[in-house]
Amino acid sequence: MLSLFVVAVAFVSVGADFPGKLHLTVYYESACPDSKAFIINELQPAMNLLQDFLNLQLVPFGKARSINNGYGGFRCQHGAPECLGNLIQDCTLDLMSSRSDMDKVEYIVCEMQTKASTRGDLHCAIKSNVPSQLVQNCVSSNQGIGLQLKSEYLTKMVQPSFIPTVTFDGAFNQKLQDNAIDDLIGTLCSILKDAKPCAEYYNTQALMSMMG
């Protein structure tokens, strides 16, 4: 029993000291099954545990590409509904820029669970107290195109081979990426070794293993 407890504490001691907040960026697509699984199963629990230690940026674009600098629209990996979803989510997230990261995560989780934005449905934006008219104005204007072009630029800077992709403080690391897809909390705690919630989380996991 003692050995399990020691392993749990040792795990969160991996990595260098990390002063301040870690900047976590998630590159995803609105209609991507892997994005849905990651956001619901990995990102939401990680943010619930570690929101005080993270700054989150969400980039809804993935493997899409602009046509004629956006004036010809966008072409997306999962078709036109995904392009619409990416656009609506970019507009809504921009309108939520002053809101907490947890508010943004809850909004994106709603979108992933319902696929509302891929149908042009603003249910999740409204649920997040974002005025639907402001979202519609953004989507139907150059503002929305500009946001998607910015997301395209940010995504191209990383050149992801897999969606979703995550970066830590703006840097892509394949090992961290591979680990994060299946265990984002563990990956973050290997960096944020002094974060108290990490020690508490893994000690709880160890106790549950012993009881099981």
C-alpha atoms as a PDB file:
ATOM      1  CA  MET A   1       0.000   0.000   0.000  1.00  0.00           C
ATOM      2  CA  LEU A   2       2.759   2.421   0.938  1.00  0.00           C
ATOM      3  CA  SER A   3       4.533   1.869  -2.369  1.00  0.00           C
ATOM      4  CA  LEU A   4       1.478   3.007  -4.331  1.00  0.00           C
ATOM      5  CA  PHE A   5       1.323   6.207  -2.313  1.00  0.00           C
ATOM      6  CA  VAL A   6       5.000   6.943  -2.904  1.00  0.00           C
ATOM      7  CA  VAL A   7       4.599   6.393  -6.655  1.00  0.00           C
ATOM      8  CA  ALA A   8       1.715   8.858  -6.769  1.00  0.00           C
ATOM      9  CA  VAL A   9       3.711  11.582  -5.041  1.00  0.00           C
ATOM     10  CA  ALA A  10       6.806  10.876  -7.116  1.00  0.00           C
ATOM     11  CA  PHE A  11       4.879  11.273 -10.365  1.00  0.00           C
ATOM     12  CA  VAL A  12       3.924  14.867  -9.666  1.00  0.00           C
ATOM     13  CA  SER A  13       7.550  15.672  -8.895  1.00  0.00           C
ATOM     14  CA  VAL A  14       8.595  15.153 -12.513  1.00  0.00           C
ATOM     15  CA  GLY A  15       9.547  18.297 -14.432  1.00  0.00           C
ATOM     16  CA  ALA A  16      11.026  21.670 -13.658  1.00  0.00           C
ATOM     17  CA  ASP A  17       9.638  24.321 -11.356  1.00  0.00           C
ATOM     18  CA  PHE A  18       7.024  26.380 -13.187  1.00  0.00           C
ATOM     19  CA  PRO A  19       6.430  29.897 -11.816  1.00  0.00           C
ATOM     20  CA  GLY A  20       3.202  31.605 -12.829  1.00  0.00           C
ATOM     21  CA  LYS A  21       0.532  30.161 -15.084  1.00  0.00           C
ATOM     22  CA  LEU A  22       1.141  27.701 -17.898  1.00  0.00           C
ATOM     23  CA  HIS A  23      -0.255  28.753 -21.272  1.00  0.00           C
ATOM     24  CA  LEU A  24      -2.173  25.817 -22.768  1.00  0.00           C
ATOM     25  CA  THR A  25      -3.360  26.055 -26.373  1.00  0.00           C
ATOM     26  CA  VAL A  26      -5.782  23.552 -27.883  1.00  0.00           C
ATOM     27  CA  TYR A  27      -6.076  23.333 -31.678  1.00  0.00           C
ATOM     28  CA  TYR A  28      -9.268  21.496 -32.582  1.00  0.00           C
ATOM     29  CA  GLU A  29     -12.156  21.134 -35.052  1.00  0.00           C
ATOM     30  CA  SER A  30     -15.852  21.600 -34.344  1.00  0.00           C
ATOM     31  CA  ALA A  31     -16.986  18.323 -35.956  1.00  0.00           C
ATOM     32  CA  CYS A  32     -13.954  16.154 -35.155  1.00  0.00           C
ATOM     33  CA  PRO A  33     -14.687  13.038 -33.042  1.00  0.00           C
ATOM     34  CA  ASP A  34     -11.166  13.090 -31.583  1.00  0.00           C
ATOM     35  CA  SER A  35     -11.581  16.747 -30.657  1.00  0.00           C
ATOM     36  CA  LYS A  36     -14.892  15.957 -28.975  1.00  0.00           C
ATOM     37  CA  ALA A  37     -13.406  13.104 -26.944  1.00  0.00           C
ATOM     38  CA  PHE A  38     -10.408  15.174 -25.874  1.00  0.00           C
ATOM     39  CA  ILE A  39     -12.379  18.263 -24.879  1.00  0.00           C
ATOM     40  CA  ILE A  40     -14.987  16.342 -22.888  1.00  0.00           C
ATOM     41  CA  ASN A  41     -12.825  13.604 -21.369  1.00  0.00           C
ATOM     42  CA  GLU A  42      -9.482  15.363 -20.927  1.00  0.00           C
ATOM     43  CA  LEU A  43      -9.716  19.152 -21.162  1.00  0.00           C
ATOM     44  CA  GLN A  44     -12.797  19.714 -19.019  1.00  0.00           C
ATOM     45  CA  PRO A  45     -11.551  17.584 -16.068  1.00  0.00           C
ATOM     46  CA  ALA A  46      -8.083  19.127 -16.325  1.00  0.00           C
ATOM     47  CA  MET A  47      -9.499  22.651 -16.234  1.00  0.00           C
ATOM     48  CA  ASN A  48     -11.749  21.761 -13.318  1.00  0.00           C
ATOM     49  CA  LEU A  49      -8.676  20.623 -11.382  1.00  0.00           C
ATOM     50  CA  LEU A  50      -6.026  23.089 -12.544  1.00  0.00           C
ATOM     51  CA  GLN A  51      -7.791  26.242 -13.750  1.00  0.00           C
ATOM     52  CA  ASP A  52      -5.869  28.403 -11.257  1.00  0.00           C
ATOM     53  CA  PHE A  53      -2.576  27.304 -12.842  1.00  0.00           C
ATOM     54  CA  LEU A  54      -3.499  27.634 -16.518  1.00  0.00           C
ATOM     55  CA  ASN A  55      -4.200  30.202 -19.201  1.00  0.00           C
ATOM     56  CA  LEU A  56      -6.230  28.529 -21.934  1.00  0.00           C
ATOM     57  CA  GLN A  57      -6.451  29.393 -25.619  1.00  0.00           C
ATOM     58  CA  LEU A  58      -8.893  27.559 -27.887  1.00  0.00           C
ATOM     59  CA  VAL A  59      -8.261  27.579 -31.648  1.00  0.00           C
ATOM     60  CA  PRO A  60     -11.125  26.107 -33.744  1.00  0.00           C
ATOM     61  CA  PHE A  61      -9.614  25.428 -37.147  1.00  0.00           C
ATOM     62  CA  GLY A  62      -7.578  22.219 -37.377  1.00  0.00           C
ATOM     63  CA  LYS A  63      -6.911  20.933 -40.892  1.00  0.00           C
ATOM     64  CA  ALA A  64      -9.179  23.448 -42.599  1.00  0.00           C
ATOM     65  CA  ARG A  65      -7.834  25.864 -45.192  1.00  0.00           C
ATOM     66  CA  SER A  66      -8.933  29.231 -46.489  1.00  0.00           C
ATOM     67  CA  ILE A  67      -9.922  29.816 -50.122  1.00  0.00           C
ATOM     68  CA  ASN A  68      -8.924  33.132 -51.695  1.00  0.00           C
ATOM     69  CA  ASN A  69      -7.842  34.504 -48.328  1.00  0.00           C
ATOM     70  CA  GLY A  70     -11.202  33.638 -46.803  1.00  0.00           C
ATOM     71  CA  TYR A  71     -13.330  35.489 -49.344  1.00  0.00           C
ATOM     72  CA  GLY A  72     -13.995  32.173 -51.074  1.00  0.00           C
ATOM     73  CA  GLY A  73     -14.826  30.610 -47.747  1.00  0.00           C
ATOM     74  CA  PHE A  74     -13.037  27.725 -46.060  1.00  0.00           C
ATOM     75  CA  ARG A  75     -12.639  24.043 -46.772  1.00  0.00           C
ATOM     76  CA  CYS A  76     -12.747  21.754 -43.738  1.00  0.00           C
ATOM     77  CA  GLN A  77     -11.736  18.187 -43.010  1.00  0.00           C
ATOM     78  CA  HIS A  78     -15.261  17.167 -41.991  1.00  0.00           C
ATOM     79  CA  GLY A  79     -17.152  19.217 -44.543  1.00  0.00           C
ATOM     80  CA  ALA A  80     -19.146  22.439 -44.655  1.00  0.00           C
ATOM     81  CA  PRO A  81     -20.899  21.901 -41.273  1.00  0.00           C
ATOM     82  CA  GLU A  82     -17.505  21.881 -39.592  1.00  0.00           C
ATOM     83  CA  CYS A  83     -16.544  25.148 -41.298  1.00  0.00           C
ATOM     84  CA  LEU A  84     -19.729  26.728 -39.975  1.00  0.00           C
ATOM     85  CA  GLY A  85     -19.065  25.311 -36.514  1.00  0.00           C
ATOM     86  CA  ASN A  86     -15.497  26.604 -36.480  1.00  0.00           C
ATOM     87  CA  LEU A  87     -16.703  30.060 -37.517  1.00  0.00           C
ATOM     88  CA  ILE A  88     -19.477  30.270 -34.935  1.00  0.00           C
ATOM     89  CA  GLN A  89     -17.199  29.013 -32.176  1.00  0.00           C
ATOM     90  CA  ASP A  90     -14.436  31.467 -33.105  1.00  0.00           C
ATOM     91  CA  CYS A  91     -16.943  34.333 -33.020  1.00  0.00           C
ATOM     92  CA  THR A  92     -18.460  33.224 -29.729  1.00  0.00           C
ATOM     93  CA  LEU A  93     -15.085  32.693 -28.060  1.00  0.00           C
ATOM     94  CA  ASP A  94     -14.016  36.152 -29.227  1.00  0.00           C
ATOM     95  CA  LEU A  95     -17.156  37.630 -27.659  1.00  0.00           C
ATOM     96  CA  MET A  96     -16.264  35.724 -24.466  1.00  0.00           C
ATOM     97  CA  SER A  97     -12.727  37.139 -24.379  1.00  0.00           C
ATOM     98  CA  SER A  98     -13.273  38.796 -20.991  1.00  0.00           C
ATOM     99  CA  ARG A  99     -14.859  35.694 -19.482  1.00  0.00           C
ATOM    100  CA  SER A 100     -13.111  32.997 -17.457  1.00  0.00           C
ATOM    101  CA  ASP A 101     -11.418  30.048 -19.130  1.00  0.00           C
ATOM    102  CA  MET A 102     -13.894  27.735 -17.403  1.00  0.00           C
ATOM    103  CA  ASP A 103     -16.786  29.622 -19.012  1.00  0.00           C
ATOM    104  CA  LYS A 104     -15.144  29.074 -22.391  1.00  0.00           C
ATOM    105  CA  VAL A 105     -14.589  25.378 -21.713  1.00  0.00           C
ATOM    106  CA  GLU A 106     -18.200  24.917 -20.651  1.00  0.00           C
ATOM    107  CA  TYR A 107     -19.292  26.623 -23.851  1.00  0.00           C
ATOM    108  CA  ILE A 108     -17.102  24.387 -26.031  1.00  0.00           C
ATOM    109  CA  VAL A 109     -18.216  21.267 -24.163  1.00  0.00           C
ATOM    110  CA  CYS A 110     -21.819  22.228 -24.930  1.00  0.00           C
ATOM    111  CA  GLU A 111     -20.927  22.591 -28.611  1.00  0.00           C
ATOM    112  CA  MET A 112     -19.158  19.238 -28.703  1.00  0.00           C
ATOM    113  CA  GLN A 113     -21.999  17.446 -26.951  1.00  0.00           C
ATOM    114  CA  THR A 114     -24.782  18.935 -29.069  1.00  0.00           C
ATOM    115  CA  LYS A 115     -23.002  19.792 -32.375  1.00  0.00           C
ATOM    116  CA  ALA A 116     -25.240  22.872 -32.335  1.00  0.00           C
ATOM    117  CA  SER A 117     -22.862  25.236 -34.134  1.00  0.00           C
ATOM    118  CA  THR A 118     -22.303  22.783 -36.996  1.00  0.00           C
ATOM    119  CA  ARG A 119     -26.048  23.161 -37.729  1.00  0.00           C
ATOM    120  CA  GLY A 120     -25.969  26.937 -37.398  1.00  0.00           C
ATOM    121  CA  ASP A 121     -27.756  26.636 -34.049  1.00  0.00           C
ATOM    122  CA  LEU A 122     -26.669  29.229 -31.466  1.00  0.00           C
ATOM    123  CA  HIS A 123     -28.094  27.310 -28.501  1.00  0.00           C
ATOM    124  CA  CYS A 124     -24.716  26.942 -26.756  1.00  0.00           C
ATOM    125  CA  ALA A 125     -23.797  30.604 -27.257  1.00  0.00           C
ATOM    126  CA  ILE A 126     -27.140  31.668 -25.805  1.00  0.00           C
ATOM    127  CA  LYS A 127     -26.718  29.204 -22.924  1.00  0.00           C
ATOM    128  CA  SER A 128     -23.366  30.882 -22.238  1.00  0.00           C
ATOM    129  CA  ASN A 129     -25.078  34.307 -22.103  1.00  0.00           C
ATOM    130  CA  VAL A 130     -23.578  35.513 -25.366  1.00  0.00           C
ATOM    131  CA  PRO A 131     -26.101  37.603 -27.362  1.00  0.00           C
ATOM    132  CA  SER A 132     -27.093  35.665 -30.470  1.00  0.00           C
ATOM    133  CA  GLN A 133     -27.314  38.828 -32.577  1.00  0.00           C
ATOM    134  CA  LEU A 134     -23.670  39.645 -31.860  1.00  0.00           C
ATOM    135  CA  VAL A 135     -22.648  36.141 -32.888  1.00  0.00           C
ATOM    136  CA  GLN A 136     -24.707  36.388 -36.073  1.00  0.00           C
ATOM    137  CA  ASN A 137     -23.198  39.784 -36.891  1.00  0.00           C
ATOM    138  CA  CYS A 138     -19.704  38.340 -36.504  1.00  0.00           C
ATOM    139  CA  VAL A 139     -20.433  35.205 -38.537  1.00  0.00           C
ATOM    140  CA  SER A 140     -21.912  37.157 -41.449  1.00  0.00           C
ATOM    141  CA  SER A 141     -19.184  39.795 -41.591  1.00  0.00           C
ATOM    142  CA  ASN A 142     -15.482  40.232 -42.231  1.00  0.00           C
ATOM    143  CA  GLN A 143     -15.000  39.954 -38.492  1.00  0.00           C
ATOM    144  CA  GLY A 144     -15.699  36.230 -38.585  1.00  0.00           C
ATOM    145  CA  ILE A 145     -13.484  35.735 -41.639  1.00  0.00           C
ATOM    146  CA  GLY A 146     -10.706  37.607 -39.876  1.00  0.00           C
ATOM    147  CA  LEU A 147     -10.997  35.426 -36.776  1.00  0.00           C
ATOM    148  CA  GLN A 148     -10.799  32.258 -38.857  1.00  0.00           C
ATOM    149  CA  LEU A 149      -7.809  33.592 -40.791  1.00  0.00           C
ATOM    150  CA  LYS A 150      -6.099  34.293 -37.476  1.00  0.00           C
ATOM    151  CA  SER A 151      -6.896  30.761 -36.307  1.00  0.00           C
ATOM    152  CA  GLU A 152      -5.522  29.427 -39.585  1.00  0.00           C
ATOM    153  CA  TYR A 153      -2.299  31.392 -39.066  1.00  0.00           C
ATOM    154  CA  LEU A 154      -1.907  30.159 -35.481  1.00  0.00           C
ATOM    155  CA  THR A 155      -2.554  26.571 -36.553  1.00  0.00           C
ATOM    156  CA  LYS A 156      -0.094  26.740 -39.443  1.00  0.00           C
ATOM    157  CA  MET A 157       2.574  27.950 -37.034  1.00  0.00           C
ATOM    158  CA  VAL A 158       2.278  24.605 -35.272  1.00  0.00           C
ATOM    159  CA  GLN A 159       1.650  22.494 -38.423  1.00  0.00           C
ATOM    160  CA  PRO A 160      -0.263  19.765 -36.544  1.00  0.00           C
ATOM    161  CA  SER A 161      -0.291  16.278 -38.004  1.00  0.00           C
ATOM    162  CA  PHE A 162      -3.091  15.251 -35.638  1.00  0.00           C
ATOM    163  CA  ILE A 163      -6.167  17.089 -34.398  1.00  0.00           C
ATOM    164  CA  PRO A 164      -6.569  17.906 -31.582  1.00  0.00           C
ATOM    165  CA  THR A 165      -3.084  19.203 -30.910  1.00  0.00           C
ATOM    166  CA  VAL A 166      -1.946  20.909 -27.724  1.00  0.00           C
ATOM    167  CA  THR A 167       0.991  23.188 -27.041  1.00  0.00           C
ATOM    168  CA  PHE A 168       2.479  24.236 -23.730  1.00  0.00           C
ATOM    169  CA  ASP A 169       3.662  27.833 -23.442  1.00  0.00           C
ATOM    170  CA  GLY A 170       3.539  28.085 -27.228  1.00  0.00           C
ATOM    171  CA  ALA A 171       5.876  25.152 -27.837  1.00  0.00           C
ATOM    172  CA  PHE A 172       4.963  21.849 -29.467  1.00  0.00           C
ATOM    173  CA  ASN A 173       6.501  18.700 -28.004  1.00  0.00           C
ATOM    174  CA  GLN A 174       5.578  15.360 -29.541  1.00  0.00           C
ATOM    175  CA  LYS A 175       6.030  13.391 -26.323  1.00  0.00           C
ATOM    176  CA  LEU A 176       3.872  15.812 -24.358  1.00  0.00           C
ATOM    177  CA  GLN A 177       1.319  15.767 -27.182  1.00  0.00           C
ATOM    178  CA  ASP A 178       1.112  11.967 -27.166  1.00  0.00           C
ATOM    179  CA  ASN A 179       0.743  11.869 -23.391  1.00  0.00           C
ATOM    180  CA  ALA A 180      -1.764  14.725 -23.261  1.00  0.00           C
ATOM    181  CA  ILE A 181      -4.229  13.109 -25.650  1.00  0.00           C
ATOM    182  CA  ASP A 182      -4.768  10.209 -23.236  1.00  0.00           C
ATOM    183  CA  ASP A 183      -3.874  11.852 -19.920  1.00  0.00           C
ATOM    184  CA  LEU A 184      -3.927  15.637 -19.946  1.00  0.00           C
ATOM    185  CA  ILE A 185      -4.007  15.924 -16.160  1.00  0.00           C
ATOM    186  CA  GLY A 186      -0.941  13.716 -15.827  1.00  0.00           C
ATOM    187  CA  THR A 187       0.884  15.662 -18.528  1.00  0.00           C
ATOM    188  CA  LEU A 188       0.098  19.011 -16.951  1.00  0.00           C
ATOM    189  CA  CYS A 189       1.073  17.752 -13.505  1.00  0.00           C
ATOM    190  CA  SER A 190       4.423  16.555 -14.839  1.00  0.00           C
ATOM    191  CA  ILE A 191       5.087  20.237 -15.632  1.00  0.00           C
ATOM    192  CA  LEU A 192       3.216  21.901 -12.777  1.00  0.00           C
ATOM    193  CA  LYS A 193       4.923  19.735 -10.169  1.00  0.00           C
ATOM    194  CA  ASP A 194       4.333  22.195  -7.328  1.00  0.00           C
ATOM    195  CA  ALA A 195       0.597  22.494  -7.947  1.00  0.00           C
ATOM    196  CA  LYS A 196      -1.141  21.234  -4.825  1.00  0.00           C
ATOM    197  CA  PRO A 197      -4.179  19.858  -6.725  1.00  0.00           C
ATOM    198  CA  CYS A 198      -1.855  17.447  -8.579  1.00  0.00           C
ATOM    199  CA  ALA A 199      -0.561  15.844  -5.393  1.00  0.00           C
ATOM    200  CA  GLU A 200      -4.089  15.603  -3.992  1.00  0.00           C
ATOM    201  CA  TYR A 201      -5.404  14.125  -7.238  1.00  0.00           C
ATOM    202  CA  TYR A 202      -2.777  11.389  -7.510  1.00  0.00           C
ATOM    203  CA  ASN A 203      -2.907  10.539  -3.830  1.00  0.00           C
ATOM    204  CA  THR A 204      -6.671  10.083  -4.238  1.00  0.00           C
ATOM    205  CA  GLN A 205      -6.097   7.874  -7.289  1.00  0.00           C
ATOM    206  CA  ALA A 206      -3.605   5.770  -5.341  1.00  0.00           C
ATOM    207  CA  LEU A 207      -6.023   5.340  -2.448  1.00  0.00           C
ATOM    208  CA  MET A 208      -8.793   4.312  -4.841  1.00  0.00           C
ATOM    209  CA  SER A 209      -6.452   1.735  -6.393  1.00  0.00           C
ATOM    210  CA  MET A 210      -5.676   0.281  -2.982  1.00  0.00           C
ATOM    211  CA  MET A 211      -9.351   0.131  -2.048  1.00  0.00           C
ATOM    212  CA  GLY A 212     -10.195  -1.464  -5.403  1.00  0.00           C
END
